[in-house]
N, C-alpha and C. Protein backbone atom coordinates (compact mmCIF):
# COMPACT_ATOMS: atom_id res chain seq x y z
N MET A 1 0.84 -1.17 0.00
CA MET A 1 -0.01 0.00 0.00
C MET A 1 0.89 1.25 0.00
N ARG A 2 0.49 2.20 -0.78
CA ARG A 2 1.20 3.49 -0.77
C ARG A 2 0.36 4.48 0.02
N PRO A 3 0.98 5.40 0.77
CA PRO A 3 0.19 6.36 1.51
C PRO A 3 -0.59 7.24 0.55
N LEU A 4 -1.85 7.43 0.87
CA LEU A 4 -2.71 8.24 0.04
C LEU A 4 -2.95 9.59 0.68
N TRP A 5 -3.17 9.56 1.95
CA TRP A 5 -3.43 10.77 2.70
C TRP A 5 -2.75 10.60 4.03
N SER A 6 -2.21 11.65 4.56
CA SER A 6 -1.58 11.59 5.86
C SER A 6 -1.85 12.87 6.62
N ALA A 7 -1.81 12.79 7.93
CA ALA A 7 -1.99 13.96 8.76
C ALA A 7 -0.77 14.88 8.67
N GLN A 8 0.24 14.48 7.91
CA GLN A 8 1.45 15.28 7.70
C GLN A 8 1.10 16.52 6.87
N PRO A 9 1.84 17.55 6.67
CA PRO A 9 3.23 17.63 7.11
C PRO A 9 3.34 17.79 8.62
N TRP A 10 4.36 17.22 9.15
CA TRP A 10 4.56 17.21 10.59
C TRP A 10 5.76 18.05 10.94
N SER A 11 5.65 18.77 12.03
CA SER A 11 6.79 19.47 12.60
C SER A 11 6.72 19.27 14.10
N GLU A 12 7.85 19.41 14.75
CA GLU A 12 7.92 19.16 16.19
C GLU A 12 6.84 19.94 16.93
N GLY A 13 6.13 19.23 17.78
CA GLY A 13 5.09 19.85 18.58
C GLY A 13 3.72 19.88 17.91
N SER A 14 3.64 19.49 16.64
CA SER A 14 2.34 19.50 15.96
C SER A 14 1.73 18.10 16.01
N PRO A 15 0.41 18.01 15.89
CA PRO A 15 -0.22 16.69 15.90
C PRO A 15 0.26 15.82 14.74
N ASP A 16 0.34 14.52 14.98
CA ASP A 16 0.75 13.58 13.93
C ASP A 16 -0.44 12.79 13.41
N ASN A 17 -1.66 13.25 13.76
CA ASN A 17 -2.87 12.58 13.32
C ASN A 17 -3.99 13.60 13.18
N ALA A 18 -5.07 13.19 12.53
CA ALA A 18 -6.26 14.03 12.40
C ALA A 18 -7.43 13.30 13.04
N VAL A 19 -8.29 14.03 13.70
CA VAL A 19 -9.48 13.46 14.30
C VAL A 19 -10.47 13.17 13.17
N ALA A 20 -11.06 11.98 13.17
CA ALA A 20 -11.98 11.58 12.08
C ALA A 20 -13.10 12.60 11.92
N ALA A 21 -13.90 12.84 12.94
CA ALA A 21 -14.91 13.90 13.03
C ALA A 21 -15.67 14.19 11.74
N GLY A 22 -16.04 13.16 10.98
CA GLY A 22 -16.85 13.36 9.79
C GLY A 22 -16.14 13.94 8.59
N LYS A 23 -14.81 14.01 8.63
CA LYS A 23 -14.05 14.60 7.51
C LYS A 23 -14.29 13.82 6.22
N ARG A 24 -14.33 14.56 5.11
CA ARG A 24 -14.45 13.96 3.78
C ARG A 24 -13.11 14.10 3.08
N LEU A 25 -12.56 12.99 2.62
CA LEU A 25 -11.27 12.99 1.93
C LEU A 25 -11.52 12.79 0.44
N GLU A 26 -11.19 13.77 -0.36
CA GLU A 26 -11.35 13.68 -1.82
C GLU A 26 -10.15 12.90 -2.37
N LEU A 27 -10.39 11.76 -3.00
CA LEU A 27 -9.30 10.87 -3.39
C LEU A 27 -9.26 10.56 -4.88
N ALA A 28 -10.22 11.02 -5.65
CA ALA A 28 -10.36 10.61 -7.06
C ALA A 28 -9.06 10.75 -7.85
N ASP A 29 -8.33 11.84 -7.68
CA ASP A 29 -7.10 12.06 -8.44
C ASP A 29 -6.02 11.03 -8.14
N ARG A 30 -6.05 10.44 -6.94
CA ARG A 30 -5.02 9.50 -6.53
C ARG A 30 -5.49 8.06 -6.49
N ALA A 31 -6.78 7.82 -6.72
CA ALA A 31 -7.33 6.49 -6.54
C ALA A 31 -7.76 5.84 -7.85
N GLU A 32 -7.25 6.32 -8.96
CA GLU A 32 -7.70 5.85 -10.27
C GLU A 32 -7.63 4.34 -10.44
N ASN A 33 -6.56 3.73 -10.02
CA ASN A 33 -6.39 2.28 -10.21
C ASN A 33 -6.43 1.50 -8.90
N ALA A 34 -6.97 2.10 -7.86
CA ALA A 34 -6.97 1.45 -6.54
C ALA A 34 -7.86 0.22 -6.52
N GLU A 35 -7.32 -0.85 -5.99
CA GLU A 35 -8.07 -2.08 -5.79
C GLU A 35 -8.37 -2.31 -4.32
N GLN A 36 -7.60 -1.63 -3.45
CA GLN A 36 -7.79 -1.77 -2.01
C GLN A 36 -7.59 -0.42 -1.33
N LEU A 37 -8.20 -0.29 -0.16
CA LEU A 37 -8.12 0.91 0.65
C LEU A 37 -7.97 0.47 2.10
N LEU A 38 -7.08 1.10 2.84
CA LEU A 38 -6.98 0.81 4.27
C LEU A 38 -6.70 2.08 5.04
N PHE A 39 -6.89 2.00 6.36
CA PHE A 39 -6.73 3.14 7.24
C PHE A 39 -5.75 2.80 8.35
N VAL A 40 -4.93 3.76 8.75
CA VAL A 40 -4.02 3.62 9.88
C VAL A 40 -4.53 4.58 10.94
N VAL A 41 -4.99 3.99 12.06
CA VAL A 41 -5.74 4.76 13.06
C VAL A 41 -5.47 4.21 14.46
N SER A 42 -5.71 5.03 15.45
CA SER A 42 -5.80 4.57 16.84
C SER A 42 -7.03 5.21 17.45
N ALA A 43 -7.58 4.56 18.48
CA ALA A 43 -8.74 5.09 19.18
C ALA A 43 -8.32 5.57 20.57
N THR A 44 -9.08 6.50 21.09
CA THR A 44 -8.88 6.96 22.46
C THR A 44 -10.18 6.77 23.23
N HIS A 45 -10.07 6.76 24.56
CA HIS A 45 -11.23 6.61 25.45
C HIS A 45 -11.92 5.27 25.19
N GLY A 46 -11.12 4.21 25.08
CA GLY A 46 -11.65 2.87 24.88
C GLY A 46 -11.70 2.49 23.41
N ASP A 47 -12.09 1.25 23.17
CA ASP A 47 -12.24 0.78 21.79
C ASP A 47 -13.38 1.56 21.14
N GLN A 48 -13.24 1.83 19.86
CA GLN A 48 -14.26 2.61 19.13
C GLN A 48 -14.71 1.86 17.88
N ARG A 49 -16.01 1.78 17.69
CA ARG A 49 -16.58 1.17 16.49
C ARG A 49 -17.09 2.27 15.57
N GLY A 50 -16.89 2.06 14.27
CA GLY A 50 -17.40 3.01 13.31
C GLY A 50 -17.25 2.47 11.91
N SER A 51 -17.76 3.22 10.95
CA SER A 51 -17.57 2.85 9.56
C SER A 51 -17.39 4.12 8.74
N ALA A 52 -16.66 3.98 7.65
CA ALA A 52 -16.44 5.08 6.72
C ALA A 52 -17.28 4.80 5.49
N THR A 53 -17.70 5.85 4.81
CA THR A 53 -18.47 5.70 3.58
C THR A 53 -17.55 5.98 2.40
N VAL A 54 -17.41 4.98 1.53
CA VAL A 54 -16.61 5.13 0.31
C VAL A 54 -17.59 5.53 -0.79
N THR A 55 -17.33 6.66 -1.44
CA THR A 55 -18.16 7.11 -2.56
C THR A 55 -17.38 6.89 -3.83
N PHE A 56 -18.04 6.27 -4.81
CA PHE A 56 -17.39 5.97 -6.09
C PHE A 56 -17.76 7.04 -7.12
N THR A 57 -16.99 7.11 -8.18
CA THR A 57 -17.21 8.15 -9.21
C THR A 57 -18.56 8.02 -9.89
N ASP A 58 -19.21 6.85 -9.82
CA ASP A 58 -20.53 6.67 -10.43
C ASP A 58 -21.66 7.04 -9.48
N GLY A 59 -21.30 7.57 -8.28
CA GLY A 59 -22.29 8.02 -7.31
C GLY A 59 -22.73 6.96 -6.32
N THR A 60 -22.36 5.71 -6.51
CA THR A 60 -22.73 4.68 -5.55
C THR A 60 -21.80 4.75 -4.34
N THR A 61 -22.20 4.10 -3.27
CA THR A 61 -21.41 4.11 -2.04
C THR A 61 -21.29 2.71 -1.47
N ALA A 62 -20.34 2.55 -0.58
CA ALA A 62 -20.15 1.31 0.17
C ALA A 62 -19.59 1.69 1.54
N ALA A 63 -19.89 0.89 2.52
CA ALA A 63 -19.37 1.11 3.87
C ALA A 63 -18.15 0.22 4.08
N THR A 64 -17.19 0.74 4.83
CA THR A 64 -16.03 -0.06 5.23
C THR A 64 -15.81 0.15 6.72
N ASP A 65 -15.43 -0.92 7.39
CA ASP A 65 -15.25 -0.88 8.84
C ASP A 65 -14.13 0.06 9.23
N LEU A 66 -14.40 0.89 10.21
CA LEU A 66 -13.38 1.77 10.78
C LEU A 66 -13.45 1.65 12.30
N SER A 67 -13.30 0.44 12.79
CA SER A 67 -13.33 0.16 14.22
C SER A 67 -11.91 -0.13 14.69
N PHE A 68 -11.55 0.46 15.80
CA PHE A 68 -10.18 0.33 16.30
C PHE A 68 -10.13 0.15 17.80
N GLY A 69 -9.09 -0.55 18.24
CA GLY A 69 -8.85 -0.71 19.65
C GLY A 69 -8.20 0.54 20.23
N ASP A 70 -8.37 0.70 21.54
CA ASP A 70 -7.77 1.82 22.26
C ASP A 70 -6.26 1.82 22.07
N TRP A 71 -5.68 3.00 22.02
CA TRP A 71 -4.26 3.14 21.72
C TRP A 71 -3.35 2.60 22.81
N THR A 72 -3.88 2.40 24.03
CA THR A 72 -3.02 1.87 25.09
C THR A 72 -3.43 0.47 25.56
N LEU A 73 -4.71 0.13 25.47
CA LEU A 73 -5.17 -1.17 25.91
C LEU A 73 -6.23 -1.70 24.95
N PRO A 74 -5.84 -2.12 23.76
CA PRO A 74 -6.84 -2.58 22.80
C PRO A 74 -7.65 -3.75 23.35
N GLY A 75 -8.96 -3.61 23.34
CA GLY A 75 -9.81 -4.68 23.86
C GLY A 75 -9.58 -4.96 25.33
N GLY A 76 -8.96 -4.02 26.04
CA GLY A 76 -8.66 -4.20 27.45
C GLY A 76 -7.41 -5.01 27.70
N GLY A 77 -6.69 -5.38 26.65
CA GLY A 77 -5.48 -6.20 26.81
C GLY A 77 -4.36 -5.73 25.90
N LYS A 78 -3.69 -6.68 25.26
CA LYS A 78 -2.54 -6.35 24.41
C LYS A 78 -2.73 -6.77 22.97
N ASP A 79 -3.75 -7.56 22.68
CA ASP A 79 -3.95 -8.06 21.32
C ASP A 79 -4.90 -7.16 20.54
N PRO A 80 -4.65 -6.99 19.25
CA PRO A 80 -5.54 -6.17 18.42
C PRO A 80 -6.97 -6.73 18.41
N VAL A 81 -7.93 -5.86 18.23
CA VAL A 81 -9.33 -6.23 18.12
C VAL A 81 -9.86 -5.75 16.75
N PHE A 82 -11.05 -6.17 16.39
CA PHE A 82 -11.72 -5.75 15.15
C PHE A 82 -10.91 -6.10 13.89
N ASP A 83 -10.17 -7.18 13.92
CA ASP A 83 -9.33 -7.57 12.77
C ASP A 83 -8.26 -6.54 12.43
N ASN A 84 -7.90 -5.69 13.39
CA ASN A 84 -6.83 -4.73 13.18
C ASN A 84 -5.48 -5.42 13.17
N THR A 85 -4.51 -4.78 12.56
CA THR A 85 -3.12 -5.23 12.55
C THR A 85 -2.28 -4.16 13.21
N VAL A 86 -1.33 -4.54 14.06
CA VAL A 86 -0.45 -3.57 14.70
C VAL A 86 0.52 -3.03 13.65
N VAL A 87 0.54 -1.71 13.51
CA VAL A 87 1.48 -1.03 12.61
C VAL A 87 2.69 -0.57 13.40
N ALA A 88 2.44 -0.07 14.62
CA ALA A 88 3.53 0.40 15.47
C ALA A 88 3.14 0.21 16.93
N ARG A 89 4.14 -0.05 17.76
CA ARG A 89 3.93 -0.21 19.19
C ARG A 89 5.13 0.38 19.92
N THR A 90 4.85 1.17 20.94
CA THR A 90 5.93 1.70 21.76
C THR A 90 6.05 0.83 23.01
N ASP A 91 7.20 0.87 23.66
CA ASP A 91 7.39 0.15 24.91
C ASP A 91 6.53 0.76 26.01
N HIS A 92 6.38 2.07 25.98
CA HIS A 92 5.60 2.78 27.00
C HIS A 92 5.20 4.16 26.46
N ARG A 93 4.36 4.81 27.19
CA ARG A 93 4.08 6.23 26.91
C ARG A 93 4.42 7.02 28.15
N ASN A 94 4.75 8.26 27.95
CA ASN A 94 5.11 9.13 29.07
C ASN A 94 3.85 9.61 29.78
N GLU A 95 3.88 9.51 31.09
CA GLU A 95 2.80 10.02 31.92
C GLU A 95 3.41 10.90 32.99
N SER A 96 2.60 11.72 33.62
CA SER A 96 3.13 12.64 34.63
C SER A 96 3.82 11.90 35.77
N GLY A 97 3.40 10.68 36.08
CA GLY A 97 4.01 9.91 37.15
C GLY A 97 5.11 8.97 36.69
N GLY A 98 5.49 9.04 35.42
CA GLY A 98 6.52 8.15 34.90
C GLY A 98 6.04 7.41 33.66
N ARG A 99 6.51 6.18 33.55
CA ARG A 99 6.15 5.37 32.37
C ARG A 99 4.75 4.81 32.50
N GLY A 100 4.01 4.91 31.39
CA GLY A 100 2.69 4.33 31.33
C GLY A 100 2.71 3.07 30.48
N PRO A 101 1.55 2.57 30.13
CA PRO A 101 1.49 1.35 29.31
C PRO A 101 1.98 1.60 27.88
N ALA A 102 2.15 0.53 27.14
CA ALA A 102 2.53 0.62 25.73
C ALA A 102 1.45 1.37 24.96
N ALA A 103 1.83 1.94 23.81
CA ALA A 103 0.88 2.63 22.94
C ALA A 103 0.94 1.98 21.56
N TYR A 104 -0.21 1.92 20.88
CA TYR A 104 -0.33 1.21 19.61
C TYR A 104 -0.92 2.10 18.52
N VAL A 105 -0.55 1.79 17.28
CA VAL A 105 -1.19 2.32 16.08
C VAL A 105 -1.57 1.10 15.25
N PHE A 106 -2.79 1.10 14.70
CA PHE A 106 -3.32 -0.07 14.00
C PHE A 106 -3.69 0.25 12.56
N ALA A 107 -3.80 -0.79 11.75
CA ALA A 107 -4.35 -0.68 10.40
C ALA A 107 -5.58 -1.58 10.30
N THR A 108 -6.53 -1.15 9.49
CA THR A 108 -7.71 -1.97 9.22
C THR A 108 -7.33 -3.08 8.27
N ALA A 109 -8.19 -4.07 8.19
CA ALA A 109 -8.09 -5.03 7.09
C ALA A 109 -8.41 -4.25 5.82
N PRO A 110 -7.77 -4.55 4.71
CA PRO A 110 -8.03 -3.79 3.48
C PRO A 110 -9.47 -3.93 3.00
N PHE A 111 -10.03 -2.83 2.53
CA PHE A 111 -11.33 -2.80 1.87
C PHE A 111 -11.07 -3.04 0.40
N SER A 112 -11.74 -4.02 -0.19
CA SER A 112 -11.55 -4.33 -1.61
C SER A 112 -12.55 -3.55 -2.46
N VAL A 113 -12.03 -2.83 -3.43
CA VAL A 113 -12.85 -2.06 -4.35
C VAL A 113 -13.45 -3.01 -5.37
N ARG A 114 -14.76 -2.92 -5.55
CA ARG A 114 -15.43 -3.81 -6.51
C ARG A 114 -14.95 -3.52 -7.93
N ASP A 115 -14.89 -4.56 -8.75
CA ASP A 115 -14.48 -4.43 -10.15
C ASP A 115 -15.31 -3.36 -10.84
N GLY A 116 -14.63 -2.52 -11.62
CA GLY A 116 -15.30 -1.48 -12.38
C GLY A 116 -15.59 -0.22 -11.61
N LYS A 117 -15.27 -0.21 -10.32
CA LYS A 117 -15.51 0.97 -9.48
C LYS A 117 -14.23 1.76 -9.32
N ARG A 118 -14.38 3.06 -9.13
CA ARG A 118 -13.25 3.96 -8.89
C ARG A 118 -13.62 4.87 -7.72
N ILE A 119 -12.75 4.94 -6.73
CA ILE A 119 -13.01 5.72 -5.53
C ILE A 119 -12.97 7.21 -5.86
N LYS A 120 -14.00 7.93 -5.40
CA LYS A 120 -14.03 9.39 -5.51
C LYS A 120 -13.63 10.03 -4.18
N SER A 121 -14.25 9.54 -3.09
CA SER A 121 -13.97 10.13 -1.78
C SER A 121 -14.29 9.12 -0.69
N VAL A 122 -13.84 9.46 0.51
CA VAL A 122 -14.15 8.68 1.70
C VAL A 122 -14.61 9.66 2.76
N THR A 123 -15.74 9.37 3.39
CA THR A 123 -16.22 10.18 4.50
C THR A 123 -16.02 9.39 5.78
N LEU A 124 -15.23 9.96 6.68
CA LEU A 124 -14.92 9.31 7.95
C LEU A 124 -16.08 9.47 8.91
N PRO A 125 -16.21 8.58 9.88
CA PRO A 125 -17.30 8.71 10.85
C PRO A 125 -17.13 9.96 11.71
N ASP A 126 -18.24 10.44 12.24
CA ASP A 126 -18.22 11.61 13.10
C ASP A 126 -17.89 11.15 14.52
N ASN A 127 -16.61 10.84 14.74
CA ASN A 127 -16.16 10.30 16.01
C ASN A 127 -14.82 10.91 16.36
N ALA A 128 -14.81 11.79 17.33
CA ALA A 128 -13.57 12.49 17.73
C ALA A 128 -12.61 11.58 18.48
N ASN A 129 -13.01 10.33 18.75
CA ASN A 129 -12.12 9.39 19.44
C ASN A 129 -11.38 8.49 18.47
N LEU A 130 -11.53 8.71 17.17
CA LEU A 130 -10.75 7.99 16.15
C LEU A 130 -9.72 8.96 15.58
N HIS A 131 -8.46 8.58 15.69
CA HIS A 131 -7.35 9.44 15.25
C HIS A 131 -6.69 8.79 14.04
N VAL A 132 -6.82 9.44 12.88
CA VAL A 132 -6.35 8.91 11.60
C VAL A 132 -4.92 9.39 11.35
N PHE A 133 -4.02 8.45 11.15
CA PHE A 133 -2.63 8.77 10.83
C PHE A 133 -2.39 8.76 9.33
N ALA A 134 -3.06 7.85 8.63
CA ALA A 134 -2.85 7.75 7.17
C ALA A 134 -3.96 6.91 6.53
N VAL A 135 -4.14 7.11 5.23
CA VAL A 135 -5.02 6.30 4.41
C VAL A 135 -4.15 5.76 3.29
N GLY A 136 -4.29 4.48 2.96
CA GLY A 136 -3.45 3.89 1.93
C GLY A 136 -4.27 3.23 0.82
N LEU A 137 -3.70 3.24 -0.36
CA LEU A 137 -4.30 2.58 -1.53
C LEU A 137 -3.36 1.52 -2.04
N GLY A 138 -3.92 0.48 -2.58
CA GLY A 138 -3.09 -0.56 -3.18
C GLY A 138 -3.71 -1.09 -4.43
């Protein structure tokens, strides 16, 4: 998968992700030959369930799962939930009292684009607890 969209450009002290919050990502110019779509995300305040709406150039739509485990305790433990794959894991996170638990970033299972369809845009769920790091096409 090649990165399609990212919360970058990044500079020290700036956020490295975007809050999903119903954002619409226009992708038609970059998704011409895309057969798959995936998201790199983490959730906050517990595991979060949601779905994104994929809009195709012919006006039809499809839903794709955008559910993710919490960034520090996915599913209340250490294993990914919702068929997520671990993209990155830290040994710990910094807390005011010292070291906290590990932190995770996950990827969804790839969404397969139906034959003959071309992605125009993706509308993310209106959920401020989903933090999107990147969207990829393959």
